[in-house]
Every structure is written in C-alpha cells, then in structure tokens.
Protein backbone atom coordinates (compact mmCIF):
# COMPACT_ATOMS: atom_id res chain seq x y z
CA UNK A 1 31.18 25.91 -41.27
CA UNK A 2 34.00 28.22 -39.81
CA UNK A 3 37.03 27.75 -38.11
CA UNK A 4 35.86 29.14 -35.19
CA UNK A 5 32.90 27.53 -35.32
CA UNK A 6 34.41 24.51 -36.26
CA UNK A 7 36.80 24.62 -32.95
CA UNK A 8 34.08 25.95 -30.52
CA UNK A 9 32.11 22.24 -31.84
CA UNK A 10 34.71 20.36 -30.92
CA UNK A 11 35.32 21.62 -27.79
CA UNK A 12 31.81 21.17 -26.81
CA UNK A 13 31.34 17.59 -28.23
CA UNK A 14 34.71 16.26 -26.17
CA UNK A 15 33.27 18.44 -22.94
CA UNK A 16 29.77 16.61 -23.33
CA UNK A 17 31.78 13.54 -24.02
CA UNK A 18 33.21 13.52 -21.01
CA UNK A 19 30.57 14.38 -18.79
CA UNK A 20 28.80 11.64 -20.37
CA UNK A 21 31.76 9.13 -19.66
CA UNK A 22 31.85 10.23 -16.12
CA UNK A 23 28.55 9.97 -15.68
CA UNK A 24 28.48 6.67 -17.11
CA UNK A 25 31.23 6.29 -14.42
CA UNK A 26 29.95 7.62 -11.88
CA UNK A 27 26.65 6.11 -11.80
CA UNK A 28 25.85 2.85 -10.13
CA UNK A 29 26.07 -0.88 -12.22
CA UNK A 30 22.55 -1.61 -10.51
CA UNK A 31 21.44 1.68 -12.07
CA UNK A 32 23.11 1.04 -15.50
CA UNK A 33 21.68 -2.47 -15.87
CA UNK A 34 18.03 -1.26 -14.24
CA UNK A 35 18.43 1.50 -17.37
CA UNK A 36 18.92 -0.62 -19.78
CA UNK A 37 16.47 -3.30 -18.78
CA UNK A 38 13.65 -0.79 -18.55
CA UNK A 39 14.24 0.44 -22.40
CA UNK A 40 14.28 -3.31 -23.25
CA UNK A 41 11.08 -3.59 -20.86
CA UNK A 42 9.19 -1.39 -23.52
CA UNK A 43 9.45 -3.63 -25.90
CA UNK A 44 6.63 -6.33 -23.72
CA UNK A 45 3.30 -5.86 -22.56
CA UNK A 46 2.62 -5.87 -18.57
CA UNK A 47 1.42 -9.42 -18.69
CA UNK A 48 4.30 -10.62 -21.12
CA UNK A 49 6.52 -8.84 -18.29
CA UNK A 50 4.87 -10.43 -15.50
CA UNK A 51 7.01 -13.87 -15.84
CA UNK A 52 10.45 -11.76 -16.66
CA UNK A 53 12.25 -12.85 -14.00
CA UNK A 54 15.70 -11.38 -16.01
CA UNK A 55 13.34 -7.86 -15.63
CA UNK A 56 12.61 -8.11 -12.13
CA UNK A 57 16.12 -8.93 -11.62
CA UNK A 58 17.21 -5.71 -11.83
CA UNK A 59 14.12 -3.96 -10.29
CA UNK A 60 15.75 -6.28 -7.35
CA UNK A 61 19.21 -4.44 -7.42
CA UNK A 62 17.25 -1.20 -7.09
CA UNK A 63 16.44 -2.96 -2.76
CA UNK A 64 18.86 -3.14 -0.01
CA UNK A 65 17.09 -6.46 0.74
CA UNK A 66 18.79 -8.77 2.96
CA UNK A 67 20.09 -12.04 0.79
CA UNK A 68 20.43 -13.88 4.11
CA UNK A 69 16.12 -13.80 4.33
CA UNK A 70 13.70 -14.00 2.33
CA UNK A 71 11.07 -11.11 3.16
CA UNK A 72 7.37 -11.82 2.68
CA UNK A 73 5.96 -10.31 4.61
CA UNK A 74 5.77 -7.12 3.00
CA UNK A 75 1.98 -6.01 3.20
CA UNK A 76 2.96 -5.46 6.82
CA UNK A 77 5.33 -2.65 5.95
CA UNK A 78 7.83 -2.88 2.46
CA UNK A 79 11.57 -1.58 2.45
CA UNK A 80 12.12 1.66 0.43
CA UNK A 81 14.61 1.50 -2.59
CA UNK A 82 17.70 3.00 -3.14
CA UNK A 83 16.61 6.41 -4.22
CA UNK A 84 14.32 6.98 -1.56
CA UNK A 85 16.54 5.79 1.64
CA UNK A 86 19.38 8.19 -0.22
CA UNK A 87 16.45 11.07 -0.60
CA UNK A 88 15.42 10.19 3.06
CA UNK A 89 18.82 10.72 4.63
CA UNK A 90 19.48 13.31 2.39
CA UNK A 91 17.01 15.73 3.77
CA UNK A 92 18.01 14.41 7.51
CA UNK A 93 21.30 15.40 7.10
CA UNK A 94 20.30 18.99 5.59
CA UNK A 95 17.45 18.90 8.36
CA UNK A 96 20.63 19.06 11.36
CA UNK A 97 22.24 21.33 9.66
CA UNK A 98 19.59 23.77 11.28
CA UNK A 99 16.45 21.90 12.38
CA UNK A 100 13.89 25.17 12.67
CA UNK A 101 15.30 26.63 8.92
CA UNK A 102 15.81 23.44 7.18
CA UNK A 103 12.38 22.02 8.28
CA UNK A 104 10.22 24.89 8.11
CA UNK A 105 11.76 27.35 5.20
CA UNK A 106 13.06 24.63 2.75
CA UNK A 107 11.81 21.33 3.32
CA UNK A 108 8.05 22.27 3.95
CA UNK A 109 8.08 24.05 1.21
CA UNK A 110 8.01 20.83 -0.66
CA UNK A 111 4.78 19.70 0.91
CA UNK A 112 2.21 21.59 -1.68
CA UNK A 113 3.53 19.86 -5.05
CA UNK A 114 4.26 16.61 -3.01
CA UNK A 115 0.23 17.04 -2.33
CA UNK A 116 -0.56 17.43 -5.76
CA UNK A 117 1.87 14.29 -6.91
CA UNK A 118 -0.16 12.42 -4.39
CA UNK A 119 -3.37 13.84 -5.43
CA UNK A 120 -2.53 13.34 -9.45
CA UNK A 121 -1.76 9.31 -8.42
CA UNK A 122 -4.67 9.17 -6.52
CA UNK A 123 -6.55 10.97 -9.32
CA UNK A 124 -8.29 13.52 -6.64
CA UNK A 125 -8.26 17.20 -6.09
CA UNK A 126 -5.15 17.95 -4.16
CA UNK A 127 -7.17 20.14 -1.95
CA UNK A 128 -9.02 16.81 -1.14
CA UNK A 129 -5.75 15.17 0.15
CA UNK A 130 -4.05 15.41 3.34
CA UNK A 131 -0.43 14.31 4.12
CA UNK A 132 -0.59 11.75 7.68
CA UNK A 133 1.81 9.37 8.75
CA UNK A 134 -0.25 5.80 8.80
CA UNK A 135 -3.76 4.52 7.54
CA UNK A 136 -4.58 4.20 11.25
CA UNK A 137 -4.31 7.99 11.70
CA UNK A 138 -6.22 9.21 8.43
CA UNK A 139 -8.93 6.67 8.99
CA UNK A 140 -8.84 7.57 12.84
CA UNK A 141 -9.54 11.36 11.94
CA UNK A 142 -12.79 10.35 10.15
CA UNK A 143 -13.88 7.95 13.12
CA UNK A 144 -13.31 10.26 15.82
CA UNK A 145 -14.52 13.10 13.26
CA UNK A 146 -17.56 12.43 12.17
CA UNK A 147 -20.12 14.44 13.97
CA UNK A 148 -22.54 10.67 15.11
CA UNK A 149 -24.79 10.74 18.05
CA UNK A 150 -26.07 7.74 20.21
CA UNK A 151 -27.95 5.26 18.20
CA UNK A 152 -26.75 6.21 14.90
CA UNK A 153 -25.79 3.03 13.04
CA UNK A 154 -22.20 2.26 12.02
CA UNK A 155 -21.79 -1.04 9.82
CA UNK A 156 -18.28 -2.40 9.61
CA UNK A 157 -17.36 -6.12 9.40
CA UNK A 158 -15.19 -8.17 11.86
CA UNK A 159 -12.51 -8.79 9.19
CA UNK A 160 -11.60 -5.28 9.47
CA UNK A 161 -8.28 -3.84 10.50
CA UNK A 162 -8.00 -4.09 14.19
CA UNK A 163 -6.91 -0.15 15.21
CA UNK A 164 -10.11 1.31 12.97
CA UNK A 165 -12.08 -2.04 14.81
CA UNK A 166 -10.87 -0.45 18.14
CA UNK A 167 -11.20 2.93 17.37
CA UNK A 168 -14.63 2.63 16.23
CA UNK A 169 -15.80 0.86 19.25
CA UNK A 170 -13.81 3.72 21.34
CA UNK A 171 -16.78 5.95 19.63
CA UNK A 172 -19.39 3.12 21.11
CA UNK A 173 -18.23 3.62 24.36
CA UNK A 174 -18.26 7.20 24.56
CA UNK A 175 -21.36 8.54 22.58
CA UNK A 176 -23.49 5.56 22.32
CA UNK A 177 -23.33 4.80 18.90
CA UNK A 178 -24.44 1.72 17.96
CA UNK A 179 -21.82 -1.14 15.45
CA UNK A 180 -23.51 -3.42 13.21
CA UNK A 181 -21.52 -6.51 12.74
CA UNK A 182 -20.95 -7.93 9.36
CA UNK A 183 -19.30 -11.64 9.25
CA UNK A 184 -18.00 -12.29 5.66
CA UNK A 185 -17.56 -15.78 4.16
CA UNK A 186 -13.86 -15.65 2.63
CA UNK A 187 -12.84 -16.17 0.09
CA UNK A 188 -15.24 -15.07 -2.26
CA UNK A 189 -15.68 -15.33 -5.71
CA UNK A 190 -19.74 -13.79 -5.97
CA UNK A 191 -20.07 -10.18 -5.95
CA UNK A 192 -23.49 -9.88 -4.94
CA UNK A 193 -22.62 -11.63 -1.86
CA UNK A 194 -20.43 -9.21 -1.19
CA UNK A 195 -22.32 -6.73 -1.45
CA UNK A 196 -25.30 -7.80 -0.07
CA UNK A 197 -23.49 -8.66 3.37
CA UNK A 198 -23.12 -4.76 4.13
CA UNK A 199 -26.18 -3.37 2.13
CA UNK A 200 -28.72 -6.01 3.90
CA UNK A 201 -26.48 -4.69 7.39
CA UNK A 202 -28.32 -0.81 6.55
CA UNK A 203 -31.59 0.34 8.27
CA UNK A 204 -32.68 3.55 8.46
CA UNK A 205 -30.90 4.44 11.23
CA UNK A 206 -27.25 4.04 9.30
CA UNK A 207 -25.56 6.77 9.26
CA UNK A 208 -21.64 5.21 7.80
CA UNK A 209 -20.29 1.88 6.42
CA UNK A 210 -16.78 1.50 7.00
CA UNK A 211 -15.68 -0.91 4.05
CA UNK A 212 -11.71 -2.66 3.59
CA UNK A 213 -11.24 -2.27 0.00
CA UNK A 214 -8.64 -5.02 0.24
CA UNK A 215 -8.77 -7.54 3.24
CA UNK A 216 -5.39 -7.44 4.82
CA UNK A 217 -5.94 -10.99 6.48
CA UNK A 218 -5.87 -12.49 2.88
CA UNK A 219 -5.56 -10.06 0.73
CA UNK A 220 -10.06 -10.36 -0.75
CA UNK A 221 -11.00 -7.12 -2.52
CA UNK A 222 -14.34 -5.62 -1.69
CA UNK A 223 -16.65 -4.42 -4.19
CA UNK A 224 -16.66 -0.78 -2.51
CA UNK A 225 -17.69 0.88 -6.03
CA UNK A 226 -21.43 -1.12 -5.57
CA UNK A 227 -21.71 -1.51 -1.95
CA UNK A 228 -20.91 2.55 -1.79
CA UNK A 229 -23.56 2.99 -4.53
CA UNK A 230 -26.27 1.41 -2.59
CA UNK A 231 -25.02 3.40 0.72
CA UNK A 232 -25.14 6.36 -0.82
CA UNK A 233 -28.90 5.55 -2.14
CA UNK A 234 -29.85 5.56 1.46
CA UNK A 235 -27.99 8.71 2.34
CA UNK A 236 -25.29 6.66 4.15
CA UNK A 237 -21.36 8.05 4.37
CA UNK A 238 -18.69 5.17 3.00
CA UNK A 239 -15.23 5.33 4.56
CA UNK A 240 -12.93 3.24 2.93
CA UNK A 241 -9.40 1.40 4.77
CA UNK A 242 -7.19 1.83 1.76
CA UNK A 243 -4.25 0.26 3.34
CA UNK A 244 -3.34 -2.75 1.29
CA UNK A 245 -5.25 -1.87 -2.46
CA UNK A 246 -3.40 2.08 -3.18
CA UNK A 247 -0.22 1.55 -5.27
CA UNK A 248 -0.76 -2.18 -5.42
CA UNK A 249 -3.24 -2.16 -8.13
CA UNK A 250 -5.30 0.62 -10.22
CA UNK A 251 -7.82 2.08 -9.74
CA UNK A 252 -8.73 6.10 -8.76
CA UNK A 253 -9.84 7.51 -5.06
CA UNK A 254 -13.05 8.65 -6.86
CA UNK A 255 -13.63 5.56 -8.52
CA UNK A 256 -14.41 4.00 -5.46
CA UNK A 257 -17.27 6.45 -4.41
CA UNK A 258 -15.88 6.77 -1.15
CA UNK A 259 -16.46 9.67 0.86
CA UNK A 260 -13.20 9.20 3.24
CA UNK A 261 -10.34 7.38 2.43
CA UNK A 262 -7.02 6.68 4.15
CA UNK A 263 -3.53 4.57 3.01
CA UNK A 264 -0.80 3.70 3.88
CA UNK A 265 2.66 4.75 2.04
CA UNK A 266 5.37 2.39 3.17
CA UNK A 267 3.23 -0.56 2.00
CA UNK A 268 2.87 -0.48 -1.91
CA UNK A 269 4.20 2.41 -2.57
CA UNK A 270 6.94 1.51 -0.75
CA UNK A 271 7.55 4.73 0.42
CA UNK A 272 9.62 5.53 4.32
CA UNK A 273 8.14 3.65 7.08
CA UNK A 274 5.55 6.00 8.77
CA UNK A 275 3.35 7.97 5.95
CA UNK A 276 0.16 7.96 4.78
CA UNK A 277 -3.09 9.87 3.16
CA UNK A 278 -6.41 10.87 3.66
CA UNK A 279 -9.33 11.93 1.17
CA UNK A 280 -11.82 13.61 1.93
CA UNK A 281 -14.20 14.46 -0.25
CA UNK A 282 -14.50 18.18 -1.08
CA UNK A 283 -17.95 19.09 0.65
CA UNK A 284 -17.21 16.78 3.32
CA UNK A 285 -14.65 18.65 4.94
CA UNK A 286 -16.00 21.33 6.42
CA UNK A 287 -18.13 19.05 8.66
CA UNK A 288 -15.41 16.39 10.06
CA UNK A 289 -13.59 18.03 12.97
CA UNK A 290 -9.81 17.00 12.64
CA UNK A 291 -7.81 14.98 15.30
CA UNK A 292 -5.53 17.41 16.30
CA UNK A 293 -6.32 20.50 16.93
CA UNK A 294 -6.56 23.09 14.09
CA UNK A 295 -7.01 27.21 14.41
CA UNK A 296 -10.56 26.82 12.79
CA UNK A 297 -11.78 23.39 12.94
CA UNK A 298 -15.04 24.08 10.66
CA UNK A 299 -12.78 25.38 8.33
CA UNK A 300 -13.41 23.41 4.60
CA UNK A 301 -9.58 23.52 3.90
CA UNK A 302 -8.01 19.74 3.96
CA UNK A 303 -4.89 21.19 5.38
CA UNK A 304 -6.72 21.03 8.88
CA UNK A 305 -6.09 17.92 9.12
CA UNK A 306 -2.03 18.29 9.18
CA UNK A 307 -1.47 20.13 12.66
CA UNK A 308 0.59 16.93 14.15
CA UNK A 309 3.36 19.96 15.58
CA UNK A 310 6.84 19.08 14.65
CA UNK A 311 7.33 15.91 12.64
CA UNK A 312 9.85 14.43 10.50
CA UNK A 313 9.97 16.31 7.38
CA UNK A 314 12.68 14.49 6.21
CA UNK A 315 10.39 11.34 5.73
CA UNK A 316 7.59 12.78 4.70
CA UNK A 317 9.61 14.56 1.88
CA UNK A 318 10.65 11.16 0.15
CA UNK A 319 7.31 10.42 -1.00
CA UNK A 320 7.96 12.12 -3.63
CA UNK A 321 11.05 10.22 -4.37
CA UNK A 322 9.03 7.48 -3.82
CA UNK A 323 6.00 7.92 -6.54
CA UNK A 324 9.17 8.60 -8.87
CA UNK A 325 10.36 4.73 -8.55
CA UNK A 326 6.77 3.56 -8.80
CA UNK A 327 6.22 5.27 -11.82
CA UNK A 328 9.21 4.08 -13.42
CA UNK A 329 8.47 0.68 -12.55
CA UNK A 330 5.38 1.24 -14.02
CA UNK A 331 1.33 0.85 -12.49
CA UNK A 332 0.38 -1.81 -14.85
CA UNK A 333 3.43 -3.61 -14.62
CA UNK A 334 3.63 -3.47 -11.33
CA UNK A 335 -0.02 -4.66 -10.74
CA UNK A 336 0.55 -7.40 -12.65
CA UNK A 337 3.65 -8.74 -11.26
CA UNK A 338 2.56 -8.87 -7.89
CA UNK A 339 -0.98 -11.33 -9.06
CA UNK A 340 1.49 -12.94 -11.20
CA UNK A 341 3.81 -14.09 -8.68
CA UNK A 342 0.40 -14.75 -6.21
CA UNK A 343 -0.70 -17.31 -8.17
CA UNK A 344 3.00 -19.11 -8.99
CA UNK A 345 3.59 -20.13 -5.19
CA UNK A 346 -0.14 -20.78 -4.86
CA UNK A 347 -0.32 -22.70 -8.29
CA UNK A 348 2.05 -24.75 -6.24
CA UNK A 349 1.11 -24.84 -2.59
CA UNK A 350 -2.72 -26.41 -3.96
CA UNK A 351 -1.35 -29.68 -4.78
CA UNK A 352 0.62 -29.75 -1.40
CA UNK A 353 -1.17 -32.74 1.25
CA UNK A 354 -4.17 -30.66 2.85
CA UNK A 355 -3.48 -28.12 2.21
CA UNK A 356 -6.30 -25.41 1.38
CA UNK A 357 -6.27 -21.75 -0.40
CA UNK A 358 -7.46 -18.94 1.42
CA UNK A 359 -7.39 -15.90 -1.54
CA UNK A 360 -8.78 -15.82 -4.94
CA UNK A 361 -6.69 -16.60 -8.20
CA UNK A 362 -9.24 -14.48 -9.98
CA UNK A 363 -8.37 -11.03 -11.25
CA UNK A 364 -10.69 -8.57 -9.28
CA UNK A 365 -11.55 -10.76 -6.47
CA UNK A 366 -7.52 -11.69 -5.12
CA UNK A 367 -4.76 -9.39 -5.94
CA UNK A 368 -0.24 -10.26 -4.87
CA UNK A 369 -1.77 -11.18 -1.24
CA UNK A 370 -2.31 -14.56 -0.77
CA UNK A 371 -3.40 -17.35 2.03
CA UNK A 372 -2.61 -21.19 2.45
CA UNK A 373 -4.33 -23.21 5.20
CA UNK A 374 -2.84 -25.99 6.71
CA UNK A 375 -6.39 -27.62 8.54
CA UNK A 376 -5.45 -29.04 11.68
CA UNK A 377 -1.99 -27.74 12.09
CA UNK A 378 -1.15 -24.47 14.06
CA UNK A 379 -0.06 -22.08 11.58
CA UNK A 380 2.15 -20.08 14.46
CA UNK A 381 4.05 -23.27 14.09
CA UNK A 382 4.93 -22.95 10.14
CA UNK A 383 5.57 -19.35 10.71
CA UNK A 384 8.31 -20.59 13.27
CA UNK A 385 9.40 -23.20 11.42
CA UNK A 386 9.66 -21.21 7.59
CA UNK A 387 12.26 -18.42 9.70
CA UNK A 388 13.86 -21.45 11.27
CA UNK A 389 14.44 -24.15 8.63
CA UNK A 390 14.74 -21.40 5.48
CA UNK A 391 14.83 -18.18 6.90
CA UNK A 392 11.62 -17.60 5.09
CA UNK A 393 9.53 -14.18 6.86
CA UNK A 394 5.78 -14.54 6.61
CA UNK A 395 2.47 -14.23 8.96
CA UNK A 396 0.17 -16.63 10.52
CA UNK A 397 -3.33 -15.30 10.82
CA UNK A 398 -5.94 -16.98 13.02
CA UNK A 399 -8.67 -14.51 13.40
CA UNK A 400 -12.30 -14.96 13.63
CA UNK A 401 -12.72 -17.50 10.55
CA UNK A 402 -9.38 -16.84 8.01
CA UNK A 403 -6.55 -19.03 9.60
CA UNK A 404 -3.49 -20.11 7.39
CA UNK A 405 -0.13 -18.08 6.66
CA UNK A 406 -0.05 -14.98 4.82
CA UNK A 407 2.16 -13.93 2.04
CA UNK A 408 2.95 -10.93 0.63
CA UNK A 409 5.70 -10.79 -1.92
CA UNK A 410 6.69 -7.43 -3.79
CA UNK A 411 8.64 -6.64 -7.01
CA UNK A 412 11.77 -7.76 -5.68
CA UNK A 413 11.15 -11.28 -5.21
CA UNK A 414 12.01 -13.76 -7.41
CA UNK A 415 10.66 -16.89 -8.44
CA UNK A 416 13.13 -18.95 -7.12
CA UNK A 417 12.43 -17.26 -2.99
CA UNK A 418 8.85 -18.55 -3.33
CA UNK A 419 10.04 -21.92 -4.59
CA UNK A 420 11.96 -21.87 -1.04
CA UNK A 421 8.68 -21.17 0.64
CA UNK A 422 6.87 -24.40 -1.17
CA UNK A 423 10.04 -26.70 0.07
CA UNK A 424 9.37 -24.94 3.18
CA UNK A 425 5.64 -25.61 3.32
CA UNK A 426 5.60 -29.50 1.88
CA UNK A 427 8.88 -30.34 4.65
CA UNK A 428 6.53 -29.08 7.86
CA UNK A 429 4.08 -30.66 6.48
CA UNK A 430 5.99 -34.56 6.28
CA UNK A 431 7.73 -33.55 9.37
CA UNK A 432 4.26 -32.89 11.52
CA UNK A 433 2.30 -35.76 10.21
CA UNK A 434 5.69 -38.16 11.85
C-alpha cells in the first residue's frame, strides 16, 4: 500500500471510528439496549421469546407509558412508541413553519409511499386501500355508501361494535332496509356453530353480512373466511370490522374473503391516535359512494374515499414509523407474546373462587384480549376497585350476554403487572364477600 493510500485509509478509519463513537454516545441507552436485545432474539423462536420477560422489558423501554399505573385497556387505544411520537412531533413542528406549504407540498407527498407500505402489510393492492382516521369512518363509508334499497336485508350481530350497529340502524330508518340480528353465545370454540349462526340467517333478500373479525368485548375470533365463502355463494357482500385484528395477529385482508374491510391503526399497530384504513375490493370501488363528497362519486379510484378536507397530515405520516416499529418486533413474535400474556393471567384467574372465563384460551378462537367474569358481582365496581387500590386500568363490560372485566395487555406489559391484576381481583372477591 502506498504512503498516500495508507494515510488516506487511516484518515478514513479515524473518521468512521469517531462517527461510530459519536453515534453510540448520542443514541439513547434504551435504543442501544433494544438493538442488542433484538440481535440476541434472533437466536430464539417466537414461541420461546413469548415468555422471555427480559427481551420484552427492552421493548417496554421503547414506550413512554407511566410507571405510576398499569394500563390494561390497550384495546381502546394503544400508546405509540417513542419513535412514532417523535416522528409526529417533527412533522407537527415542520407543518407550523408554513402549514399550507409543508402540509400540501411536503408531507402529503408521502401519502402514496405510505399507501404502498400499508397495502404490503395488509396483503392487498395499494389501489384498494384508502387512508382513514379510524374503523368507524372507514366502515361508515361502506355502510352509507352501499346502494341498498327498502326491503334489502343485512345480517349482523348484537355483539358488533356500537358505532357500526348505529350506522346500520340509521340506514334502516332512512332507507327501509331490514336488519336481521344474530345473538352469539360466547365464548365459543365451535367453528360450525359460529358459521351457522350467520349463514342460517341468510335469505334470498340478504344483500350484506357484517362480520366483526374479533369481538372487541371479549376477544372472540370469528371464522370470517368460512362465513364469507358461504355468503359469496349466495351473492351476498361481506363487510368486515377488523378494528381488533389488524396487527394483533397475522393474516392478510384478501385471505378473509372480505369485500370491504376497515381498521384502526391506533390500536394494535400503535400508530398515532386518529389513524386507520379502508379496504375495498377493486371491482367494488366504482359502485360504492364515498362518505365525503368526491369530484366523481362513481370513480373506480380508491382515493375518492380520502376527500376529508384539511386533516392532520403530521399524524398520518407517522403511520410509516409505526409500521417500521411493528416489523422490527416481528409480526409472529408480537402475536405469540400477546397470546402468551392473555393465557398467563387467565390461567391464574380461573382459579379465583367464583371466576368464570369469557374468552377462549385456544389459538384460532382467542387472541390477546381476555375477559373474566365474577357472577353475582358488579363489574363496574371491580373496575373502580382495581383503579383505586392498585392503579390498574381495565374495562368493565356489561353488554347483552357478555359480562366481565376486559383485559387488553400490549407488548410493553410485563407478567409482574399481570400478577398485580390477579392480586387485585382476589382482593376484590375477598372484600366484596364480607
């Protein structure tokens, strides 16, 4: 090596070393630790990692959740990791330098790349996916946009999400469609029963079946594909509520057989609050009216569902960072961990005197959402007791034939926190029995 090349090499090496050192110093400790934990995780299977609290401790450090409480209501809305929060704040600061310029000429240019990334995650074409603010907005575009007339029937259940039920009721009042109600007996580990509950309600007048992929009240997984296949054989369209399934466990939207699918991204993807998407099968787009007026309501362009007026672009664009974080953890690892956490606390809860589980512990029927009931005791009182005495935040459910305390951990939840939950439920049982 010549003297010049040797000197050049050493200069470059020193610069790289200094840069690497500076990066290591400036990188937060939680980030460095997470990086090492992910490297070590590659040596273990997702099943092995599911119960590895040491690994998930480093995931927890990626969040800013309060140590002063235990949040077990992630099914309502989940916190975003630091990287997503930081992206949103950067976008917000940029926007306020000159809102119309940076929103419309900078941030909005990221919409098409974001659409492609979301579509990749959903397993569909980017031309079938519209970015929305939540599941309600996405599915109401479908519910109010379908060309239904008086006498047409829609099959749905009493366990569906209230916003969707109310939207269908409004169409019933305005247009004279007929709602055919199914009342599911849950939890269930009988696929045939779950499918027949829907299909036996089909008649020659049925035009739509509304299926909630995961019942939000207790985490019951519904066999959407089997219901969809039976519906399509009769020319019935399939609307799927995926608020609690997308990014909680692995599937693609086309695998479900859905004609229409809506989800919120501020739940299990941990994107910022106020993000979601609508999927419409390509050949269905033209005949579905948009909820907000578009230049051409009969266009076959999925973008006609995005004419919302001015909206928070800085929130929308941070979805991309949530996708990165989700893929960094790994879809299978996350699915296994959430299922492990649900079964961890439910195994302990089932031994509490008088307790009754309201969620299946079997894969395919239950997910990371769990429900426990204490017959004869009021669940709102249990919810209040846990918060007042243990600072555990969970959600009481009192709906139709589903009663109990809904518990929804997330990837930052530890088994020690779930032990506190169990301690609190036991104390409540003892205190309320005196």
